[in-house]
Protein backbone atom coordinates (compact mmCIF):
# COMPACT_ATOMS: atom_id res chain seq x y z
CA UNK A 1 -34.77 -20.06 -24.30
CA UNK A 2 -32.39 -22.18 -22.05
CA UNK A 3 -29.67 -21.91 -24.86
CA UNK A 4 -30.25 -17.40 -24.39
CA UNK A 5 -30.35 -17.83 -20.63
CA UNK A 6 -26.91 -20.02 -20.45
CA UNK A 7 -25.73 -17.81 -22.62
CA UNK A 8 -26.76 -14.79 -20.90
CA UNK A 9 -25.57 -16.59 -17.19
CA UNK A 10 -21.90 -16.57 -19.44
CA UNK A 11 -21.91 -13.34 -20.21
CA UNK A 12 -22.91 -12.03 -16.38
CA UNK A 13 -20.24 -13.97 -14.67
CA UNK A 14 -17.52 -13.53 -17.75
CA UNK A 15 -18.10 -9.83 -16.24
CA UNK A 16 -17.89 -10.16 -13.12
CA UNK A 17 -15.24 -11.38 -13.35
CA UNK A 18 -13.35 -8.74 -16.01
CA UNK A 19 -14.41 -6.35 -13.57
CA UNK A 20 -12.52 -8.14 -10.76
CA UNK A 21 -9.72 -8.46 -12.81
CA UNK A 22 -9.30 -5.25 -13.47
CA UNK A 23 -9.63 -3.19 -10.48
CA UNK A 24 -6.52 -0.90 -9.70
CA UNK A 25 -3.78 -1.83 -8.62
CA UNK A 26 -2.17 0.40 -6.87
CA UNK A 27 -6.08 1.04 -4.31
CA UNK A 28 -5.73 -2.11 -3.46
CA UNK A 29 -5.62 -2.69 0.12
CA UNK A 30 -3.25 -5.68 1.18
CA UNK A 31 -5.18 -6.74 3.86
CA UNK A 32 -8.76 -7.28 1.78
CA UNK A 33 -9.10 -9.28 -0.63
CA UNK A 34 -11.54 -9.30 -3.97
CA UNK A 35 -14.50 -11.53 -2.76
CA UNK A 36 -17.92 -10.99 -6.08
CA UNK A 37 -19.33 -7.88 -7.72
CA UNK A 38 -22.88 -6.64 -7.59
CA UNK A 39 -25.48 -4.22 -9.54
CA UNK A 40 -26.50 -1.84 -6.48
CA UNK A 41 -24.37 -0.80 -2.91
CA UNK A 42 -27.49 -2.56 -0.66
CA UNK A 43 -27.05 -5.54 -2.42
CA UNK A 44 -23.04 -5.32 -1.72
CA UNK A 45 -23.75 -4.54 2.13
CA UNK A 46 -26.95 -7.56 2.55
CA UNK A 47 -24.41 -9.96 1.21
CA UNK A 48 -21.13 -8.41 3.36
CA UNK A 49 -23.43 -8.94 6.30
CA UNK A 50 -24.56 -11.98 5.00
CA UNK A 51 -21.31 -13.59 5.33
CA UNK A 52 -20.69 -12.72 9.04
CA UNK A 53 -19.73 -16.87 9.35
CA UNK A 54 -17.33 -16.70 7.03
CA UNK A 55 -15.08 -13.66 7.30
CA UNK A 56 -16.85 -11.29 10.15
CA UNK A 57 -18.38 -7.99 10.07
CA UNK A 58 -14.76 -6.13 8.19
CA UNK A 59 -15.62 -5.87 4.62
CA UNK A 60 -16.06 -3.12 2.21
CA UNK A 61 -18.46 -2.09 -0.54
CA UNK A 62 -16.72 0.32 -3.31
CA UNK A 63 -17.92 1.43 -6.09
CA UNK A 64 -15.67 0.13 -9.25
CA UNK A 65 -13.94 2.72 -11.18
CA UNK A 66 -16.43 4.62 -9.71
CA UNK A 67 -19.74 3.36 -11.21
CA UNK A 68 -23.37 2.90 -9.70
CA UNK A 69 -23.77 -0.43 -12.36
CA UNK A 70 -20.87 -2.66 -9.64
CA UNK A 71 -20.16 -2.95 -6.45
CA UNK A 72 -17.01 -4.72 -5.56
CA UNK A 73 -17.13 -6.67 -1.98
CA UNK A 74 -14.15 -6.97 -0.49
CA UNK A 75 -13.36 -8.98 2.48
CA UNK A 76 -11.24 -9.26 5.36
CA UNK A 77 -8.15 -11.79 5.22
């Protein structure tokens, strides 16, 4: 059971990394950097607001390539 959870966790982290790595460069804003991926828009905005001490109120959540199951949180650099 623990081995399956480990494999699932590893696959989730790998998928999130792949989504962030394959973000289209042409639409990248030079003042924002990708930070993390979330399954819903609400979760993305909650994480953006929770990160106020780190990056302030300047963040954006965008659907990854039009998908509704992957939201990319980008923060101001």
